[in-house]
Protein backbone atom coordinates (compact mmCIF):
# COMPACT_ATOMS: atom_id res chain seq x y z
CA MET A 1 7.55 -19.96 -3.42
CA ARG A 2 9.64 -20.06 -6.65
CA THR A 3 12.27 -22.76 -6.87
CA ILE A 4 15.33 -21.87 -8.87
CA GLN A 5 17.74 -24.92 -9.99
CA ILE A 6 21.50 -23.98 -9.98
CA ASP A 7 23.66 -25.95 -12.18
CA TYR A 8 27.75 -25.11 -12.42
CA PRO A 9 28.97 -22.74 -13.67
CA ILE A 10 26.18 -20.36 -12.42
CA SER A 11 24.11 -18.99 -15.29
CA LYS A 12 24.49 -15.26 -15.88
CA SER A 13 20.67 -15.00 -16.33
CA ILE A 14 19.92 -16.33 -13.02
CA GLN A 15 22.01 -13.83 -11.42
CA THR A 16 20.48 -10.93 -13.57
CA ASP A 17 17.01 -12.55 -12.87
CA SER A 18 17.63 -12.81 -9.18
CA GLU A 19 16.15 -10.56 -6.47
CA ARG A 20 17.19 -8.73 -3.01
CA CYS A 21 17.09 -11.12 -0.61
CA VAL A 22 17.99 -12.18 2.99
CA MET A 23 19.65 -15.74 2.34
CA ALA A 24 19.71 -18.61 4.93
CA LEU A 25 22.20 -20.99 4.06
CA GLY A 26 22.28 -24.88 4.97
CA PHE A 27 21.33 -28.30 3.81
CA PHE A 28 18.65 -28.46 6.13
CA ASP A 29 17.95 -32.05 6.45
CA GLY A 30 14.96 -32.51 8.53
CA VAL A 31 14.36 -28.79 8.93
CA HIS A 32 14.50 -29.53 12.38
CA LEU A 33 14.01 -26.96 15.02
CA GLY A 34 17.64 -25.37 14.72
CA HIS A 35 17.10 -25.30 11.26
CA GLN A 36 13.88 -23.74 11.60
CA LYS A 37 15.55 -21.07 14.02
CA ILE A 38 17.84 -20.12 11.12
CA ILE A 39 14.98 -19.70 8.61
CA LYS A 40 12.59 -17.69 11.04
CA THR A 41 16.01 -15.47 11.98
CA ALA A 42 16.22 -14.68 8.03
CA LYS A 43 12.29 -14.07 7.76
CA LYS A 44 12.63 -11.54 10.80
CA LEU A 45 15.35 -9.73 8.99
CA ALA A 46 13.74 -9.88 5.49
CA ASP A 47 10.35 -8.70 6.73
CA GLU A 48 12.54 -5.61 8.57
CA LYS A 49 14.30 -4.67 5.47
CA ASN A 50 11.19 -5.81 2.80
CA LEU A 51 13.36 -8.05 1.17
CA MET A 52 12.55 -11.69 -0.14
CA LEU A 53 13.25 -14.51 1.71
CA ALA A 54 15.57 -17.08 0.16
CA VAL A 55 17.22 -20.50 1.08
CA MET A 56 19.94 -22.06 -0.59
CA THR A 57 20.56 -25.97 -0.29
CA PHE A 58 22.16 -28.78 -2.36
CA SER A 59 20.29 -31.44 -4.57
CA GLN A 60 22.30 -34.03 -3.02
CA HIS A 61 24.36 -34.08 0.53
CA PRO A 62 27.91 -32.98 -0.18
CA SER A 63 29.26 -36.18 1.50
CA SER A 64 28.05 -38.20 -1.37
CA VAL A 65 30.46 -36.07 -3.74
CA ILE A 66 33.32 -35.56 -1.24
CA LYS A 67 34.13 -39.01 -0.04
CA LYS A 68 35.46 -38.37 3.17
CA GLY A 69 33.81 -39.80 6.16
CA LYS A 70 30.30 -41.31 6.47
CA VAL A 71 28.38 -40.96 3.09
CA ILE A 72 24.86 -39.62 3.18
CA THR A 73 22.52 -40.82 0.50
CA ASN A 74 19.17 -41.08 2.52
CA TYR A 75 17.50 -38.12 4.05
CA ILE A 76 15.14 -37.25 6.88
CA THR A 77 13.19 -34.81 4.19
CA PRO A 78 14.18 -35.82 0.48
CA LEU A 79 14.03 -32.65 -1.21
CA SER A 80 10.47 -32.96 -2.24
CA GLU A 81 9.18 -32.74 1.21
CA LYS A 82 12.11 -30.07 2.15
CA THR A 83 10.31 -27.95 -0.26
CA GLU A 84 7.26 -28.26 1.30
CA VAL A 85 8.53 -27.56 4.61
CA PHE A 86 10.35 -24.18 3.30
CA GLU A 87 7.23 -23.12 1.98
CA GLN A 88 5.40 -23.29 5.11
CA LEU A 89 7.91 -21.48 6.73
CA GLY A 90 7.20 -18.57 4.04
CA VAL A 91 10.43 -18.81 1.95
CA ASP A 92 9.58 -16.74 -1.01
CA LEU A 93 12.86 -18.25 -3.00
CA LEU A 94 14.75 -21.53 -2.86
CA TYR A 95 17.80 -22.00 -4.51
CA VAL A 96 18.90 -25.57 -5.24
CA ILE A 97 22.66 -26.07 -6.24
CA ASP A 98 23.33 -29.45 -8.03
CA PHE A 99 26.33 -30.32 -5.92
CA THR A 100 29.06 -31.60 -8.38
CA LYS A 101 32.66 -32.20 -8.14
CA GLU A 102 33.42 -28.98 -9.74
CA VAL A 103 31.21 -26.91 -7.09
CA ALA A 104 33.00 -28.60 -4.68
CA LYS A 105 36.13 -27.20 -5.81
CA ILE A 106 34.97 -23.44 -5.95
CA PRO A 107 37.23 -21.41 -3.72
CA HIS A 108 35.15 -19.81 -0.58
CA ASP A 109 35.86 -16.36 -1.66
CA GLN A 110 34.30 -17.18 -5.46
CA PHE A 111 31.33 -18.85 -3.98
CA VAL A 112 30.41 -15.67 -1.83
CA ASP A 113 31.02 -13.60 -5.36
CA ASP A 114 28.96 -15.83 -7.38
CA TYR A 115 26.28 -17.52 -5.06
CA LEU A 116 25.59 -14.62 -2.74
CA CYS A 117 26.51 -11.46 -4.28
CA GLY A 118 25.49 -12.82 -7.71
CA LEU A 119 22.09 -13.46 -6.19
CA ASN A 120 21.56 -10.18 -4.79
CA CYS A 121 22.10 -11.35 -1.36
CA GLU A 122 21.89 -8.20 1.30
CA HIS A 123 22.20 -10.51 4.08
CA VAL A 124 23.14 -14.00 5.09
CA VAL A 125 21.91 -16.11 8.02
CA ALA A 126 23.53 -19.58 8.87
CA GLY A 127 24.43 -21.77 11.62
CA PHE A 128 27.37 -21.29 13.63
CA ASP A 129 29.33 -24.47 12.00
CA TYR A 130 28.32 -23.80 8.28
CA LYS A 131 31.06 -24.19 6.14
CA TYR A 132 31.57 -23.29 2.23
CA GLY A 133 34.03 -23.58 -0.49
CA PHE A 134 36.70 -25.70 -1.44
CA LYS A 135 37.32 -27.99 1.96
CA GLY A 136 35.48 -25.80 3.98
CA LYS A 137 37.90 -22.99 4.20
CA GLY A 138 34.94 -20.59 4.33
CA ASP A 139 33.28 -20.45 8.15
CA MET A 140 31.13 -17.85 9.75
CA GLU A 141 34.31 -16.19 10.75
CA GLN A 142 35.54 -15.79 7.12
CA LEU A 143 32.43 -14.79 5.85
CA PRO A 144 32.11 -11.23 6.83
CA ILE A 145 35.63 -10.98 5.59
CA ASP A 146 34.66 -12.47 2.05
CA SER A 147 31.46 -10.25 2.04
CA ALA A 148 33.87 -6.97 2.20
CA GLY A 149 30.71 -4.92 3.39
CA ARG A 150 28.57 -6.13 0.29
CA PHE A 151 26.16 -7.99 2.75
CA GLY A 152 25.08 -8.25 6.46
CA VAL A 153 26.17 -11.67 8.30
CA THR A 154 23.91 -13.22 11.44
CA THR A 155 25.38 -16.42 12.84
CA ALA A 156 22.80 -18.58 14.59
CA ALA A 157 23.93 -19.83 18.00
CA LYS A 158 23.55 -23.65 18.85
CA LEU A 159 20.39 -25.02 19.63
CA GLU A 160 20.23 -27.60 22.73
CA LYS A 161 17.73 -29.39 23.92
CA HIS A 162 18.14 -32.31 26.98
CA GLU A 163 22.16 -30.90 26.83
CA GLN A 164 22.40 -32.45 23.00
CA LYS A 165 22.81 -30.24 20.21
CA VAL A 166 19.79 -29.96 17.85
CA SER A 167 21.24 -31.65 14.58
CA SER A 168 20.51 -33.80 11.31
CA THR A 169 23.30 -36.16 12.93
CA LEU A 170 21.26 -36.42 16.25
CA LEU A 171 18.02 -37.25 14.29
CA ARG A 172 19.52 -40.02 12.35
CA GLU A 173 21.01 -41.69 15.45
CA LEU A 174 17.55 -41.73 16.79
CA ILE A 175 16.22 -43.18 13.75
CA SER A 176 18.57 -45.56 13.05
CA SER A 177 17.92 -46.94 16.44
CA GLY A 178 14.34 -47.26 16.30
CA ARG A 179 13.77 -44.43 18.69
CA VAL A 180 11.19 -42.50 16.60
CA GLU A 181 8.99 -41.39 19.56
CA GLN A 182 11.63 -39.19 20.46
CA ILE A 183 11.82 -37.39 17.09
CA GLN A 184 9.39 -34.69 17.73
CA GLU A 185 11.21 -33.07 20.43
CA TYR A 186 13.78 -32.12 18.11
CA LEU A 187 11.91 -32.14 14.43
CA GLY A 188 9.06 -29.90 16.11
CA ARG A 189 6.86 -32.39 14.47
CA SER A 190 6.36 -36.47 14.22
CA TYR A 191 8.61 -38.22 11.81
CA GLU A 192 6.75 -38.90 8.71
CA ILE A 193 7.23 -39.95 4.98
CA SER A 194 4.83 -38.91 2.20
CA ALA A 195 3.65 -42.02 0.48
CA GLU A 196 0.84 -43.34 -1.98
CA MET A 197 -1.01 -46.38 -0.34
CA LYS A 198 -2.38 -49.53 -2.23
CA GLY A 199 -4.47 -52.26 -0.95
CA ARG A 200 -7.65 -53.33 0.47
CA GLY A 201 -8.88 -54.44 3.98
CA ARG A 202 -6.40 -54.42 6.67
CA THR A 203 -3.13 -54.95 4.82
CA CYS A 204 -1.76 -52.35 2.11
CA THR A 205 1.63 -51.67 0.50
CA ILE A 206 2.83 -48.05 0.98
CA TYR A 207 5.10 -46.52 -1.95
CA PHE A 208 7.48 -44.08 -1.22
CA ASP A 209 10.71 -41.95 -1.97
CA PRO A 210 13.24 -44.47 -1.62
CA ASP A 211 15.48 -41.33 -0.51
CA TYR A 212 13.97 -41.29 2.96
CA TYR A 213 15.97 -42.74 5.94
CA LEU A 214 14.09 -45.34 7.29
CA PRO A 215 14.16 -46.68 11.01
CA CYS A 216 16.27 -49.78 11.86
CA PRO A 217 14.39 -53.15 11.05
CA GLY A 218 11.89 -54.03 13.56
CA HIS A 219 8.01 -53.50 14.23
CA TYR A 220 6.39 -49.97 14.55
CA GLU A 221 3.51 -48.80 15.46
CA VAL A 222 2.30 -45.98 12.51
CA THR A 223 -0.61 -43.67 11.74
CA ILE A 224 -1.83 -43.56 8.18
CA ILE A 225 -2.99 -40.06 7.73
CA ARG A 226 -4.93 -38.35 4.79
CA LYS A 227 -4.97 -34.63 4.08
CA ASN A 228 -8.92 -34.56 4.91
CA MET A 229 -7.51 -35.51 8.17
CA LEU A 230 -8.64 -39.22 8.22
CA GLN A 231 -6.79 -41.39 10.20
CA SER A 232 -5.81 -45.24 10.69
CA LYS A 233 -3.36 -47.06 12.71
CA GLY A 234 -1.15 -49.81 12.36
CA ILE A 235 1.69 -51.90 12.46
CA CYS A 236 4.57 -51.52 9.79
CA GLU A 237 7.41 -53.71 9.52
CA VAL A 238 11.18 -52.56 8.48
CA LYS A 239 13.04 -55.14 7.15
CA SER A 240 16.70 -55.39 6.78
CA VAL A 241 16.18 -56.71 3.17
CA GLN A 242 13.04 -55.39 1.44
CA HIS A 243 12.03 -53.68 -1.76
CA PRO A 244 13.11 -50.05 -2.24
CA GLY A 245 10.48 -47.39 -1.85
CA GLN A 246 7.61 -50.01 -0.65
CA LEU A 247 6.43 -50.90 3.25
CA GLN A 248 3.55 -53.18 4.30
CA VAL A 249 1.47 -52.18 6.73
CA THR A 250 -1.06 -54.14 8.88
CA LEU A 251 -4.05 -51.75 10.05
CA PHE A 252 -5.96 -52.54 13.16
CA ASN A 253 -9.35 -51.92 11.34
CA ASP A 254 -10.41 -52.01 7.63
CA GLN A 255 -8.82 -49.05 5.88
CA LEU A 256 -11.13 -46.21 5.31
CA PHE A 257 -9.06 -44.54 2.35
CA ASN A 258 -9.57 -45.36 -1.56
CA ASP A 259 -7.11 -47.19 -3.55
CA HIS A 260 -4.12 -45.37 -4.54
CA ALA A 261 -4.56 -42.64 -1.75
CA LYS A 262 -1.77 -39.70 -0.76
CA VAL A 263 -0.97 -40.36 2.55
CA GLN A 264 1.66 -39.66 5.31
CA LEU A 265 3.10 -42.41 7.01
CA GLN A 266 3.71 -41.30 10.62
CA TRP A 267 6.11 -43.28 12.92
CA ASN A 268 4.73 -43.54 16.43
CA ASN A 269 6.67 -46.20 18.33
CA PHE A 270 9.05 -49.05 17.93
CA ILE A 271 7.48 -52.20 19.16
CA ALA A 272 9.71 -55.17 20.44
CA ASP A 273 8.83 -58.75 20.08
CA PHE A 274 10.15 -61.90 21.52
CA GLU A 275 12.96 -62.32 18.52
CA MET A 276 14.51 -58.90 19.14
CA ASP A 277 17.16 -58.35 21.26
CA ALA A 278 17.36 -55.91 24.01
CA PHE A 279 19.74 -53.55 22.62
CA HIS A 280 17.71 -53.38 19.39
CA ALA A 281 15.51 -50.20 19.93
CA GLN A 282 18.83 -48.10 21.93
CA SER A 283 21.70 -48.78 19.72
CA ASP A 284 22.41 -47.87 15.90
CA PHE A 285 21.44 -51.20 14.56
CA ARG A 286 23.31 -50.51 10.97
CA GLU A 287 26.55 -50.38 12.85
CA LEU A 288 26.08 -53.40 15.31
CA GLU A 289 24.84 -55.45 12.29
CA MET A 290 28.08 -54.73 10.46
CA SER A 291 30.23 -55.46 13.35
CA ILE A 292 28.93 -58.91 14.01
């Protein structure tokens, strides 16, 4: 997979060098089952049309620039991990737009001209609630009008499980309330973070990208996984105040990994103790904490 970084204004050379493609649009935080449905739909079309499969996303969540409502600065899948998932799904080209105030002000029709037609897009796939352009005035009803027949448009329908829309918002709610064991149903895989492990014996420190969205404070059963499939279980404590990008894990047995090992920390279950309130694993702890 080839990753192309796009700054504002979009470079003419990037447009000139772009390849004919089917483009999947979205921020794709988590790359959950709903996102996978969009990308798999785009891949099927790309294979049928003998085109490249492309994904367009942003380097940061638009809410961090457009200060309206809840600001998202931590991610279920930071860009580095999201890139790996895209590659596993068969994406050929990844366009990463640096989302700035200037990008936020691009009119919806100009966005289509510069970032879709300008990148040789022959078909677009996005979710039913996808919006683009200044103040989100572009949507999936507007997109065929803006395309003016220059590319096809496919809208992916809402995906639901247990009568809930599969969404990044739902996943953040589950994570922030400690219900990590439910994540797999919507993500299609366990919730994990990529990290480096340091330490000897049963106590180790996990170093990771501080952009990860962590569960609420508490104790969790976790599994440490090495790429060669070696596994070790333990307890990880998430504190309300801690050093960014670091976690302490107490293993059930002496670790089998080398110091500085590249690992995946898999969140398995929330473990309540006698000092925790009953609501702790059921409500959004961050919001409750602010209201107290």
